[in-house]
Amino acid sequence: MKKTTETASPYDQLEKMKTADLLRNINREDQTVPLVIEKILPQIETLVEVIVQKMKQGGRLFYLGAGTSGRLGIVDASECPPTFGVEQGLVIGIIAGGDSAIRKAVEFAEDDAAQGWKDLSAFRVNENDVVIGIAASGTTPYVIGAMHACNEHGIVTACITCNTGSALAAAVSHPLEVVVGPEFITGSTRMKAGTAQKLALNMISTCVMIRLGKVQGNRMVDMQPSNGKLIDRGTNMIVEALGIPYTEAEALLKKHGSVRKAVEKGLKK
């Protein structure tokens, strides 16, 4: 398979470019990514609806990847509890090589075709869950092996990849192929491919949480007020909703632990 992600960059002699030209050219390439995402919105929509249905039945969402792809999945999963107030373990990110690979690359971890399923099995993954494999190349054995195993166990599978006709896309029921073209630095898929994966993950988790009722209007009413900034944001939401003084709203938030509960209690007064 010819990988678009490995195609030579249209830019050359980068070491001779001025900083301004480097930045301008990287920015030019980055601007193409959202337009590629736009082309696969129907596929993302279908996947979101499947995830919502599974979660309403008690299922979970797993992200599985290696390297940059694995890290992006972990970032998205880790943001769901504080942002939407869901329990830890509803959205789970898994990276080849284990948690130590989040900070430091683990050599050859992505080449083990059996380990992905072993890592998923530690969470007792089952047919109520959805597993999304993330791999820019679409050829990562760790991810592909896990997808095949999930299929054998009746688990819904999806992927985010940046090449067409990949083995990964062929192994899942919901492939998302975000073909962003050659990277500014040839083969450096942490750039446009990584950006595309992050945009897709943002869309998936955000839309799922909205459809599950974790947002009211345009507010994160179930967010965890775990620092000063979030306490202030939540307090202002309550002020707007109830038309009460800031100090009273802050007291309500601290007492009830979420904007939703604080507003509900305030409206009952």
C-alpha atoms as a PDB file:
ATOM      1  CA  MET A   1       0.000   0.000   0.000  1.00  0.00           C
ATOM      2  CA  LYS A   2       1.328   3.423  -0.950  1.00  0.00           C
ATOM      3  CA  LYS A   3       1.053   5.634   2.116  1.00  0.00           C
ATOM      4  CA  THR A   4       0.094   9.260   1.559  1.00  0.00           C
ATOM      5  CA  THR A   5       1.490   9.963   5.015  1.00  0.00           C
ATOM      6  CA  GLU A   6       4.939   8.897   3.783  1.00  0.00           C
ATOM      7  CA  THR A   7       4.833  10.828   0.499  1.00  0.00           C
ATOM      8  CA  ALA A   8       7.611  13.404   0.087  1.00  0.00           C
ATOM      9  CA  SER A   9       6.819  16.895   1.309  1.00  0.00           C
ATOM     10  CA  PRO A  10       6.149  19.476  -1.415  1.00  0.00           C
ATOM     11  CA  TYR A  11       8.642  21.673   0.442  1.00  0.00           C
ATOM     12  CA  ASP A  12      12.383  21.057   0.350  1.00  0.00           C
ATOM     13  CA  GLN A  13      15.601  22.495   1.750  1.00  0.00           C
ATOM     14  CA  LEU A  14      13.769  23.398   4.924  1.00  0.00           C
ATOM     15  CA  GLU A  15      17.025  24.064   6.714  1.00  0.00           C
ATOM     16  CA  LYS A  16      17.621  26.987   4.344  1.00  0.00           C
ATOM     17  CA  MET A  17      14.239  28.632   4.910  1.00  0.00           C
ATOM     18  CA  LYS A  18      13.836  31.682   7.066  1.00  0.00           C
ATOM     19  CA  THR A  19      11.778  31.233  10.208  1.00  0.00           C
ATOM     20  CA  ALA A  20       8.984  33.382   8.781  1.00  0.00           C
ATOM     21  CA  ASP A  21       8.783  31.162   5.699  1.00  0.00           C
ATOM     22  CA  LEU A  22       8.787  27.990   7.791  1.00  0.00           C
ATOM     23  CA  LEU A  23       5.904  29.281   9.876  1.00  0.00           C
ATOM     24  CA  ARG A  24       3.943  30.527   6.880  1.00  0.00           C
ATOM     25  CA  ASN A  25       4.277  27.224   5.043  1.00  0.00           C
ATOM     26  CA  ILE A  26       3.361  25.113   8.064  1.00  0.00           C
ATOM     27  CA  ASN A  27       0.326  27.316   8.626  1.00  0.00           C
ATOM     28  CA  ARG A  28      -0.650  26.970   4.959  1.00  0.00           C
ATOM     29  CA  GLU A  29      -0.609  23.186   5.291  1.00  0.00           C
ATOM     30  CA  ASP A  30      -2.496  23.220   8.606  1.00  0.00           C
ATOM     31  CA  GLN A  31      -5.343  25.204   7.055  1.00  0.00           C
ATOM     32  CA  THR A  32      -6.152  22.277   4.762  1.00  0.00           C
ATOM     33  CA  VAL A  33      -6.948  19.877   7.598  1.00  0.00           C
ATOM     34  CA  PRO A  34     -10.469  21.071   8.585  1.00  0.00           C
ATOM     35  CA  LEU A  35     -11.530  20.905   4.931  1.00  0.00           C
ATOM     36  CA  VAL A  36     -10.545  17.238   4.834  1.00  0.00           C
ATOM     37  CA  ILE A  37     -12.474  16.582   8.047  1.00  0.00           C
ATOM     38  CA  GLU A  38     -15.529  18.167   6.437  1.00  0.00           C
ATOM     39  CA  LYS A  39     -15.564  15.432   3.787  1.00  0.00           C
ATOM     40  CA  ILE A  40     -16.096  12.665   6.338  1.00  0.00           C
ATOM     41  CA  LEU A  41     -18.710  14.339   8.562  1.00  0.00           C
ATOM     42  CA  PRO A  42     -21.384  11.773   7.579  1.00  0.00           C
ATOM     43  CA  GLN A  43     -19.145   8.912   8.727  1.00  0.00           C
ATOM     44  CA  ILE A  44     -18.389  10.703  11.999  1.00  0.00           C
ATOM     45  CA  GLU A  45     -22.119  11.288  12.505  1.00  0.00           C
ATOM     46  CA  THR A  46     -22.886   7.585  12.106  1.00  0.00           C
ATOM     47  CA  LEU A  47     -20.161   6.637  14.560  1.00  0.00           C
ATOM     48  CA  VAL A  48     -21.345   9.179  17.138  1.00  0.00           C
ATOM     49  CA  GLU A  49     -24.875   7.774  17.014  1.00  0.00           C
ATOM     50  CA  VAL A  50     -23.541   4.240  17.525  1.00  0.00           C
ATOM     51  CA  ILE A  51     -21.465   5.322  20.536  1.00  0.00           C
ATOM     52  CA  VAL A  52     -24.415   7.172  22.076  1.00  0.00           C
ATOM     53  CA  GLN A  53     -26.622   4.110  21.689  1.00  0.00           C
ATOM     54  CA  LYS A  54     -23.997   1.839  23.259  1.00  0.00           C
ATOM     55  CA  MET A  55     -23.385   4.214  26.164  1.00  0.00           C
ATOM     56  CA  LYS A  56     -27.103   4.398  26.886  1.00  0.00           C
ATOM     57  CA  GLN A  57     -26.907   0.625  27.248  1.00  0.00           C
ATOM     58  CA  GLY A  58     -24.061   0.907  29.748  1.00  0.00           C
ATOM     59  CA  GLY A  59     -21.175   0.719  27.298  1.00  0.00           C
ATOM     60  CA  ARG A  60     -17.872   2.564  27.207  1.00  0.00           C
ATOM     61  CA  LEU A  61     -15.676   4.188  24.586  1.00  0.00           C
ATOM     62  CA  PHE A  62     -12.077   3.039  24.130  1.00  0.00           C
ATOM     63  CA  TYR A  63      -9.306   4.741  22.169  1.00  0.00           C
ATOM     64  CA  LEU A  64      -6.353   2.531  21.232  1.00  0.00           C
ATOM     65  CA  GLY A  65      -3.171   3.733  19.553  1.00  0.00           C
ATOM     66  CA  ALA A  66       0.608   3.940  19.542  1.00  0.00           C
ATOM     67  CA  GLY A  67       2.910   6.948  19.741  1.00  0.00           C
ATOM     68  CA  THR A  68       1.293  10.278  18.901  1.00  0.00           C
ATOM     69  CA  SER A  69      -1.993   8.580  18.038  1.00  0.00           C
ATOM     70  CA  GLY A  70      -2.133   6.844  21.418  1.00  0.00           C
ATOM     71  CA  ARG A  71      -1.292  10.051  23.256  1.00  0.00           C
ATOM     72  CA  LEU A  72      -4.051  11.953  21.476  1.00  0.00           C
ATOM     73  CA  GLY A  73      -6.571   9.320  22.519  1.00  0.00           C
ATOM     74  CA  ILE A  74      -5.423   9.537  26.123  1.00  0.00           C
ATOM     75  CA  VAL A  75      -5.683  13.329  26.090  1.00  0.00           C
ATOM     76  CA  ASP A  76      -9.255  13.215  24.801  1.00  0.00           C
ATOM     77  CA  ALA A  77     -10.300  10.497  27.245  1.00  0.00           C
ATOM     78  CA  SER A  78      -8.733  12.264  30.224  1.00  0.00           C
ATOM     79  CA  GLU A  79     -10.621  15.484  29.468  1.00  0.00           C
ATOM     80  CA  CYS A  80     -14.081  13.909  29.555  1.00  0.00           C
ATOM     81  CA  PRO A  81     -14.553  13.597  33.348  1.00  0.00           C
ATOM     82  CA  PRO A  82     -13.584  17.194  34.254  1.00  0.00           C
ATOM     83  CA  THR A  83     -15.342  18.700  31.230  1.00  0.00           C
ATOM     84  CA  PHE A  84     -18.582  16.730  31.281  1.00  0.00           C
ATOM     85  CA  GLY A  85     -18.727  15.320  34.804  1.00  0.00           C
ATOM     86  CA  VAL A  86     -18.784  11.700  33.648  1.00  0.00           C
ATOM     87  CA  GLU A  87     -17.238   8.981  35.739  1.00  0.00           C
ATOM     88  CA  GLN A  88     -13.653   7.896  35.236  1.00  0.00           C
ATOM     89  CA  GLY A  89     -13.627   4.857  32.980  1.00  0.00           C
ATOM     90  CA  LEU A  90     -16.468   5.852  30.648  1.00  0.00           C
ATOM     91  CA  VAL A  91     -13.942   6.976  28.034  1.00  0.00           C
ATOM     92  CA  ILE A  92     -10.609   5.150  28.196  1.00  0.00           C
ATOM     93  CA  GLY A  93      -7.390   5.810  26.310  1.00  0.00           C
ATOM     94  CA  ILE A  94      -4.839   3.018  25.871  1.00  0.00           C
ATOM     95  CA  ILE A  95      -1.352   3.414  24.397  1.00  0.00           C
ATOM     96  CA  ALA A  96       1.056   0.756  23.171  1.00  0.00           C
ATOM     97  CA  GLY A  97       3.798   0.312  25.741  1.00  0.00           C
ATOM     98  CA  GLY A  98       1.628   1.335  28.681  1.00  0.00           C
ATOM     99  CA  ASP A  99       1.444   4.608  30.575  1.00  0.00           C
ATOM    100  CA  SER A 100       5.215   5.106  30.461  1.00  0.00           C
ATOM    101  CA  ALA A 101       4.875   5.503  26.681  1.00  0.00           C
ATOM    102  CA  ILE A 102       2.860   8.690  27.213  1.00  0.00           C
ATOM    103  CA  ARG A 103       6.085  10.552  27.970  1.00  0.00           C
ATOM    104  CA  LYS A 104       8.768   8.379  26.424  1.00  0.00           C
ATOM    105  CA  ALA A 105       8.586   6.192  23.333  1.00  0.00           C
ATOM    106  CA  VAL A 106       8.694   2.450  24.028  1.00  0.00           C
ATOM    107  CA  GLU A 107      10.648   0.760  21.242  1.00  0.00           C
ATOM    108  CA  PHE A 108       8.737  -1.744  19.093  1.00  0.00           C
ATOM    109  CA  ALA A 109       5.653  -1.658  21.337  1.00  0.00           C
ATOM    110  CA  GLU A 110       3.470  -0.892  18.332  1.00  0.00           C
ATOM    111  CA  ASP A 111       4.704  -3.971  16.470  1.00  0.00           C
ATOM    112  CA  ASP A 112       3.087  -6.488  18.837  1.00  0.00           C
ATOM    113  CA  ALA A 113      -0.148  -7.566  17.132  1.00  0.00           C
ATOM    114  CA  ALA A 114      -1.404  -9.456  20.189  1.00  0.00           C
ATOM    115  CA  GLN A 115      -0.775  -6.871  22.907  1.00  0.00           C
ATOM    116  CA  GLY A 116      -3.587  -4.490  21.968  1.00  0.00           C
ATOM    117  CA  TRP A 117      -6.259  -7.059  22.730  1.00  0.00           C
ATOM    118  CA  LYS A 118      -4.465  -8.012  25.960  1.00  0.00           C
ATOM    119  CA  ASP A 119      -4.508  -4.363  27.033  1.00  0.00           C
ATOM    120  CA  LEU A 120      -8.217  -4.057  26.210  1.00  0.00           C
ATOM    121  CA  SER A 121      -8.987  -7.296  28.022  1.00  0.00           C
ATOM    122  CA  ALA A 122      -7.568  -5.839  31.226  1.00  0.00           C
ATOM    123  CA  PHE A 123     -10.614  -3.545  31.178  1.00  0.00           C
ATOM    124  CA  ARG A 124     -13.005  -6.427  30.472  1.00  0.00           C
ATOM    125  CA  VAL A 125     -13.990  -4.914  27.154  1.00  0.00           C
ATOM    126  CA  ASN A 126     -17.261  -6.396  25.898  1.00  0.00           C
ATOM    127  CA  GLU A 127     -19.985  -6.142  23.260  1.00  0.00           C
ATOM    128  CA  ASN A 128     -21.527  -3.079  24.962  1.00  0.00           C
ATOM    129  CA  ASP A 129     -18.379  -1.059  24.235  1.00  0.00           C
ATOM    130  CA  VAL A 130     -16.994   0.737  21.186  1.00  0.00           C
ATOM    131  CA  VAL A 131     -13.275   0.625  20.368  1.00  0.00           C
ATOM    132  CA  ILE A 132     -11.660   3.221  18.102  1.00  0.00           C
ATOM    133  CA  GLY A 133      -8.214   2.385  16.776  1.00  0.00           C
ATOM    134  CA  ILE A 134      -6.096   5.446  16.034  1.00  0.00           C
ATOM    135  CA  ALA A 135      -3.177   5.127  13.606  1.00  0.00           C
ATOM    136  CA  ALA A 136      -2.112   7.709  11.048  1.00  0.00           C
ATOM    137  CA  SER A 137      -0.461   5.065   8.886  1.00  0.00           C
ATOM    138  CA  GLY A 138      -3.285   2.556   9.172  1.00  0.00           C
ATOM    139  CA  THR A 139      -0.696  -0.217   9.432  1.00  0.00           C
ATOM    140  CA  THR A 140       0.131  -0.386  13.150  1.00  0.00           C
ATOM    141  CA  PRO A 141       0.057  -4.090  14.189  1.00  0.00           C
ATOM    142  CA  TYR A 142      -0.804  -3.270  17.817  1.00  0.00           C
ATOM    143  CA  VAL A 143      -3.998  -1.543  16.689  1.00  0.00           C
ATOM    144  CA  ILE A 144      -4.949  -3.812  13.778  1.00  0.00           C
ATOM    145  CA  GLY A 145      -4.578  -6.966  15.883  1.00  0.00           C
ATOM    146  CA  ALA A 146      -6.845  -5.505  18.541  1.00  0.00           C
ATOM    147  CA  MET A 147      -9.494  -4.582  15.974  1.00  0.00           C
ATOM    148  CA  HIS A 148      -9.583  -8.122  14.586  1.00  0.00           C
ATOM    149  CA  ALA A 149      -9.947  -9.513  18.090  1.00  0.00           C
ATOM    150  CA  CYS A 150     -12.742  -7.059  18.887  1.00  0.00           C
ATOM    151  CA  ASN A 151     -14.595  -8.140  15.761  1.00  0.00           C
ATOM    152  CA  GLU A 152     -14.315 -11.766  16.832  1.00  0.00           C
ATOM    153  CA  HIS A 153     -15.898 -10.852  20.159  1.00  0.00           C
ATOM    154  CA  GLY A 154     -18.776  -8.848  18.655  1.00  0.00           C
ATOM    155  CA  ILE A 155     -17.436  -5.460  19.720  1.00  0.00           C
ATOM    156  CA  VAL A 156     -18.110  -2.409  17.547  1.00  0.00           C
ATOM    157  CA  THR A 157     -14.886  -1.162  15.958  1.00  0.00           C
ATOM    158  CA  ALA A 158     -13.900   2.118  14.322  1.00  0.00           C
ATOM    159  CA  CYS A 159     -10.673   3.829  13.344  1.00  0.00           C
ATOM    160  CA  ILE A 160      -9.112   7.176  12.564  1.00  0.00           C
ATOM    161  CA  THR A 161      -6.413   6.896   9.924  1.00  0.00           C
ATOM    162  CA  CYS A 162      -4.818   9.233   7.395  1.00  0.00           C
ATOM    163  CA  ASN A 163      -4.334   6.852   4.467  1.00  0.00           C
ATOM    164  CA  THR A 164      -6.848   5.251   2.147  1.00  0.00           C
ATOM    165  CA  GLY A 165      -7.151   1.507   1.652  1.00  0.00           C
ATOM    166  CA  SER A 166      -5.290   0.633   4.840  1.00  0.00           C
ATOM    167  CA  ALA A 167      -5.344  -2.666   6.677  1.00  0.00           C
ATOM    168  CA  LEU A 168      -6.754  -0.854   9.706  1.00  0.00           C
ATOM    169  CA  ALA A 169      -9.690   0.611   7.789  1.00  0.00           C
ATOM    170  CA  ALA A 170     -10.423  -2.819   6.360  1.00  0.00           C
ATOM    171  CA  ALA A 171     -10.467  -4.300   9.866  1.00  0.00           C
ATOM    172  CA  VAL A 172     -13.184  -2.051  11.349  1.00  0.00           C
ATOM    173  CA  SER A 173     -16.881  -1.469  10.800  1.00  0.00           C
ATOM    174  CA  HIS A 174     -16.640   2.347  10.983  1.00  0.00           C
ATOM    175  CA  PRO A 175     -13.478   3.641   9.253  1.00  0.00           C
ATOM    176  CA  LEU A 176     -12.724   7.368   9.351  1.00  0.00           C
ATOM    177  CA  GLU A 177     -10.122   8.076   6.657  1.00  0.00           C
ATOM    178  CA  VAL A 178      -8.802  11.620   7.031  1.00  0.00           C
ATOM    179  CA  VAL A 179      -6.340  11.943   4.169  1.00  0.00           C
ATOM    180  CA  VAL A 180      -4.436  15.162   4.794  1.00  0.00           C
ATOM    181  CA  GLY A 181      -1.654  14.525   2.275  1.00  0.00           C
ATOM    182  CA  PRO A 182       2.133  14.760   2.674  1.00  0.00           C
ATOM    183  CA  GLU A 183       3.484  16.317   5.845  1.00  0.00           C
ATOM    184  CA  PHE A 184       5.574  19.493   5.901  1.00  0.00           C
ATOM    185  CA  ILE A 185       8.430  17.315   7.148  1.00  0.00           C
ATOM    186  CA  THR A 186       8.145  14.067   5.207  1.00  0.00           C
ATOM    187  CA  GLY A 187       6.545  11.360   7.341  1.00  0.00           C
ATOM    188  CA  SER A 188       6.148  13.519  10.471  1.00  0.00           C
ATOM    189  CA  THR A 189       2.579  12.504  11.224  1.00  0.00           C
ATOM    190  CA  ARG A 190       2.511  14.372  14.515  1.00  0.00           C
ATOM    191  CA  MET A 191       1.799  17.408  12.332  1.00  0.00           C
ATOM    192  CA  LYS A 192      -1.205  17.456   9.950  1.00  0.00           C
ATOM    193  CA  ALA A 193      -2.191  13.860  10.640  1.00  0.00           C
ATOM    194  CA  GLY A 194      -2.053  14.477  14.384  1.00  0.00           C
ATOM    195  CA  THR A 195      -4.110  17.637  13.987  1.00  0.00           C
ATOM    196  CA  ALA A 196      -6.707  15.744  11.951  1.00  0.00           C
ATOM    197  CA  GLN A 197      -6.923  13.007  14.569  1.00  0.00           C
ATOM    198  CA  LYS A 198      -7.327  15.574  17.338  1.00  0.00           C
ATOM    199  CA  LEU A 199     -10.120  17.361  15.458  1.00  0.00           C
ATOM    200  CA  ALA A 200     -11.942  14.084  14.865  1.00  0.00           C
ATOM    201  CA  LEU A 201     -11.593  13.070  18.510  1.00  0.00           C
ATOM    202  CA  ASN A 202     -12.861  16.487  19.631  1.00  0.00           C
ATOM    203  CA  MET A 203     -15.934  16.051  17.463  1.00  0.00           C
ATOM    204  CA  ILE A 204     -16.656  12.504  18.558  1.00  0.00           C
ATOM    205  CA  SER A 205     -16.405  12.968  22.324  1.00  0.00           C
ATOM    206  CA  THR A 206     -18.053  16.404  22.348  1.00  0.00           C
ATOM    207  CA  CYS A 207     -21.034  15.319  20.238  1.00  0.00           C
ATOM    208  CA  VAL A 208     -21.450  12.117  22.241  1.00  0.00           C
ATOM    209  CA  MET A 209     -21.533  14.054  25.511  1.00  0.00           C
ATOM    210  CA  ILE A 210     -23.986  16.621  24.153  1.00  0.00           C
ATOM    211  CA  ARG A 211     -26.270  13.843  22.917  1.00  0.00           C
ATOM    212  CA  LEU A 212     -26.070  12.247  26.375  1.00  0.00           C
ATOM    213  CA  GLY A 213     -27.327  15.467  27.961  1.00  0.00           C
ATOM    214  CA  LYS A 214     -24.053  16.639  29.477  1.00  0.00           C
ATOM    215  CA  VAL A 215     -24.448  20.142  28.030  1.00  0.00           C
ATOM    216  CA  GLN A 216     -27.335  22.575  28.495  1.00  0.00           C
ATOM    217  CA  GLY A 217     -27.619  25.455  26.050  1.00  0.00           C
ATOM    218  CA  ASN A 218     -23.930  25.855  25.377  1.00  0.00           C
ATOM    219  CA  ARG A 219     -22.733  25.348  28.947  1.00  0.00           C
ATOM    220  CA  MET A 220     -20.722  22.551  30.555  1.00  0.00           C
ATOM    221  CA  VAL A 221     -23.218  22.213  33.396  1.00  0.00           C
ATOM    222  CA  ASP A 222     -21.734  18.958  34.701  1.00  0.00           C
ATOM    223  CA  MET A 223     -18.075  20.008  34.674  1.00  0.00           C
ATOM    224  CA  GLN A 224     -16.068  19.352  37.810  1.00  0.00           C
ATOM    225  CA  PRO A 225     -15.197  22.660  39.534  1.00  0.00           C
ATOM    226  CA  SER A 226     -11.712  21.439  40.409  1.00  0.00           C
ATOM    227  CA  ASN A 227      -9.752  24.700  40.279  1.00  0.00           C
ATOM    228  CA  GLY A 228     -10.218  28.442  40.652  1.00  0.00           C
ATOM    229  CA  LYS A 229     -10.860  29.064  36.971  1.00  0.00           C
ATOM    230  CA  LEU A 230     -13.570  26.418  36.776  1.00  0.00           C
ATOM    231  CA  ILE A 231     -15.186  27.572  40.019  1.00  0.00           C
ATOM    232  CA  ASP A 232     -15.377  31.084  38.587  1.00  0.00           C
ATOM    233  CA  ARG A 233     -16.782  29.805  35.286  1.00  0.00           C
ATOM    234  CA  GLY A 234     -19.387  27.688  37.056  1.00  0.00           C
ATOM    235  CA  THR A 235     -20.334  30.507  39.381  1.00  0.00           C
ATOM    236  CA  ASN A 236     -20.939  32.832  36.466  1.00  0.00           C
ATOM    237  CA  MET A 237     -23.144  30.197  34.818  1.00  0.00           C
ATOM    238  CA  ILE A 238     -25.269  30.060  37.964  1.00  0.00           C
ATOM    239  CA  VAL A 239     -25.442  33.859  38.147  1.00  0.00           C
ATOM    240  CA  GLU A 240     -26.759  33.949  34.575  1.00  0.00           C
ATOM    241  CA  ALA A 241     -29.229  31.121  35.146  1.00  0.00           C
ATOM    242  CA  LEU A 242     -30.681  32.313  38.439  1.00  0.00           C
ATOM    243  CA  GLY A 243     -30.025  36.056  38.416  1.00  0.00           C
ATOM    244  CA  ILE A 244     -28.483  35.965  41.880  1.00  0.00           C
ATOM    245  CA  PRO A 245     -25.360  37.661  43.307  1.00  0.00           C
ATOM    246  CA  TYR A 246     -21.958  36.117  42.588  1.00  0.00           C
ATOM    247  CA  THR A 247     -21.242  35.214  46.216  1.00  0.00           C
ATOM    248  CA  GLU A 248     -24.572  33.401  46.557  1.00  0.00           C
ATOM    249  CA  ALA A 249     -23.978  31.540  43.312  1.00  0.00           C
ATOM    250  CA  GLU A 250     -20.488  30.524  44.398  1.00  0.00           C
ATOM    251  CA  ALA A 251     -21.841  29.181  47.682  1.00  0.00           C
ATOM    252  CA  LEU A 252     -24.434  27.134  45.814  1.00  0.00           C
ATOM    253  CA  LEU A 253     -21.778  25.682  43.531  1.00  0.00           C
ATOM    254  CA  LYS A 254     -19.491  24.710  46.372  1.00  0.00           C
ATOM    255  CA  LYS A 255     -22.377  23.147  48.277  1.00  0.00           C
ATOM    256  CA  HIS A 256     -23.812  21.076  45.425  1.00  0.00           C
ATOM    257  CA  GLY A 257     -20.665  20.366  43.392  1.00  0.00           C
ATOM    258  CA  SER A 258     -21.987  21.093  39.908  1.00  0.00           C
ATOM    259  CA  VAL A 259     -23.696  23.859  37.981  1.00  0.00           C
ATOM    260  CA  ARG A 260     -26.614  21.602  37.098  1.00  0.00           C
ATOM    261  CA  LYS A 261     -27.365  20.656  40.704  1.00  0.00           C
ATOM    262  CA  ALA A 262     -26.838  24.205  41.952  1.00  0.00           C
ATOM    263  CA  VAL A 263     -29.279  25.624  39.397  1.00  0.00           C
ATOM    264  CA  GLU A 264     -31.846  22.907  40.095  1.00  0.00           C
ATOM    265  CA  LYS A 265     -31.686  23.611  43.832  1.00  0.00           C
ATOM    266  CA  GLY A 266     -31.793  27.358  43.231  1.00  0.00           C
ATOM    267  CA  LEU A 267     -34.907  27.113  41.069  1.00  0.00           C
ATOM    268  CA  LYS A 268     -36.707  25.149  43.780  1.00  0.00           C
ATOM    269  CA  LYS A 269     -36.314  27.934  46.322  1.00  0.00           C
END
